Amino acid sequence: MAIRRVVPNIQSEAVDESREFYGLLGFEEVMDLGWIVTLASPSHPAEQVSFLAGDKTAPVIPDVSVEVDDVDAAYAAMKESGAEIVHPLQNEEWGVRRFFVRDPNGRVINVLSHR
């Protein structure tokens, strides 16, 4: 299993202000689903940050998103380890397959693959 990217997720009620602030650092908007906005470096598109007002299908906002090449293998490894699954593995309408797992620090990790 390979990691494709890691994205910090910032819970925010100030998405527009965050977009403007991070734009000053050179980030550009690459996704806006209404409840999540993702900004990326134009020169290194995998370098991203996301701002979330909530999550459309999950009970919590994840702290970090980790995109992997095989989310099913990651899910199986986490289940086998006994890690706490916070949100079950499922296909989402915006084109990802994902699950949430709690890390040893209590942080919620969104593990995903694009379909």
Protein backbone atom coordinates (compact mmCIF):
# COMPACT_ATOMS: atom_id res chain seq x y z
CA MET A 1 0.00 0.00 0.00
CA ALA A 2 1.35 3.42 -0.96
CA ILE A 3 0.51 6.87 0.38
CA ARG A 4 -0.45 9.35 -2.34
CA ARG A 5 -0.91 12.49 -0.21
CA VAL A 6 -1.61 13.75 3.29
CA VAL A 7 -3.91 16.73 3.83
CA PRO A 8 -4.50 18.60 7.10
CA ASN A 9 -8.20 19.27 7.71
CA ILE A 10 -9.06 22.45 9.58
CA GLN A 11 -12.51 22.77 11.13
CA SER A 12 -13.68 26.25 10.19
CA GLU A 13 -16.64 28.57 10.28
CA ALA A 14 -14.49 31.09 8.34
CA VAL A 15 -13.97 29.27 5.05
CA ASP A 16 -14.05 32.39 2.86
CA GLU A 17 -11.58 34.17 5.13
CA SER A 18 -9.35 31.07 5.18
CA ARG A 19 -9.42 30.85 1.37
CA GLU A 20 -8.28 34.47 1.19
CA PHE A 21 -5.63 34.08 3.91
CA TYR A 22 -4.06 30.93 2.44
CA GLY A 23 -4.30 32.51 -1.01
CA LEU A 24 -1.77 35.04 0.24
CA LEU A 25 0.62 32.09 0.64
CA GLY A 26 -0.01 30.99 -2.94
CA PHE A 27 -2.70 28.33 -2.42
CA GLU A 28 -5.48 28.07 -5.02
CA GLU A 29 -8.92 26.48 -4.66
CA VAL A 30 -9.13 23.03 -6.23
CA MET A 31 -12.41 21.80 -4.70
CA ASP A 32 -15.50 23.33 -3.10
CA LEU A 33 -18.32 20.96 -2.15
CA GLY A 34 -20.06 23.52 0.05
CA TRP A 35 -19.10 21.84 3.32
CA ILE A 36 -15.42 21.32 2.43
CA VAL A 37 -13.02 23.55 0.49
CA THR A 38 -9.59 22.30 -0.54
CA LEU A 39 -6.72 24.57 -1.54
CA ALA A 40 -3.54 23.40 -3.27
CA SER A 41 -0.15 24.64 -4.32
CA PRO A 42 -0.24 25.35 -8.07
CA SER A 43 3.33 24.10 -8.48
CA HIS A 44 2.88 20.99 -6.28
CA PRO A 45 -0.81 19.99 -6.50
CA ALA A 46 -0.53 17.23 -3.85
CA GLU A 47 0.40 19.88 -1.25
CA GLN A 48 -3.04 20.77 0.07
CA VAL A 49 -5.05 22.02 3.03
CA SER A 50 -8.80 21.59 3.54
CA PHE A 51 -11.32 23.62 5.54
CA LEU A 52 -14.49 21.94 6.75
CA ALA A 53 -17.63 23.38 8.29
CA GLY A 54 -18.89 19.82 8.81
CA ASP A 55 -18.84 16.46 7.05
CA LYS A 56 -21.65 15.45 4.72
CA THR A 57 -21.88 11.77 5.73
CA ALA A 58 -19.72 11.27 8.83
CA PRO A 59 -20.42 12.09 12.49
CA VAL A 60 -17.13 13.98 13.04
CA ILE A 61 -14.69 16.17 11.14
CA PRO A 62 -11.41 14.34 10.53
CA ASP A 63 -8.14 15.97 11.58
CA VAL A 64 -6.12 14.60 8.66
CA SER A 65 -6.88 12.95 5.33
CA VAL A 66 -4.52 10.27 4.02
CA GLU A 67 -4.99 9.19 0.42
CA VAL A 68 -3.72 5.66 -0.23
CA ASP A 69 -3.63 3.54 -3.35
CA ASP A 70 -5.68 0.72 -1.75
CA VAL A 71 -8.23 1.88 0.83
CA ASP A 72 -9.66 -1.64 1.19
CA ALA A 73 -6.26 -2.98 2.28
CA ALA A 74 -5.85 -0.06 4.70
CA TYR A 75 -9.29 -0.74 6.16
CA ALA A 76 -8.52 -4.45 6.58
CA ALA A 77 -5.22 -3.64 8.32
CA MET A 78 -6.91 -1.20 10.72
CA LYS A 79 -9.76 -3.61 11.51
CA GLU A 80 -7.29 -6.43 12.13
CA SER A 81 -5.23 -4.21 14.45
CA GLY A 82 -8.28 -3.45 16.57
CA ALA A 83 -8.15 0.30 15.84
CA GLU A 84 -11.38 2.21 16.45
CA ILE A 85 -13.28 2.70 13.20
CA VAL A 86 -15.15 6.00 13.59
CA HIS A 87 -16.89 5.99 10.18
CA PRO A 88 -17.34 2.79 8.15
CA LEU A 89 -15.75 2.09 4.78
CA GLN A 90 -18.07 3.37 2.08
CA ASN A 91 -18.24 4.89 -1.38
CA GLU A 92 -19.08 8.59 -1.37
CA GLU A 93 -20.99 10.43 -4.09
CA TRP A 94 -18.06 12.82 -4.68
CA GLY A 95 -15.88 10.00 -6.05
CA VAL A 96 -13.93 8.64 -3.09
CA ARG A 97 -14.06 5.43 -1.06
CA ARG A 98 -13.17 6.18 2.57
CA PHE A 99 -13.33 5.36 6.25
CA PHE A 100 -12.36 7.20 9.43
CA VAL A 101 -10.12 5.68 12.11
CA ARG A 102 -8.96 7.08 15.46
CA ASP A 103 -5.17 7.19 15.92
CA PRO A 104 -3.39 6.57 19.27
CA ASN A 105 -3.49 10.34 19.99
CA GLY A 106 -7.26 10.47 19.67
CA ARG A 107 -7.12 12.18 16.26
CA VAL A 108 -9.56 11.12 13.56
CA ILE A 109 -7.94 10.12 10.27
CA ASN A 110 -9.88 10.07 7.00
CA VAL A 111 -8.33 7.27 4.91
CA LEU A 112 -9.40 7.38 1.26
CA SER A 113 -8.82 6.39 -2.32
CA HIS A 114 -10.32 8.01 -5.39
CA ARG A 115 -12.58 5.68 -7.35
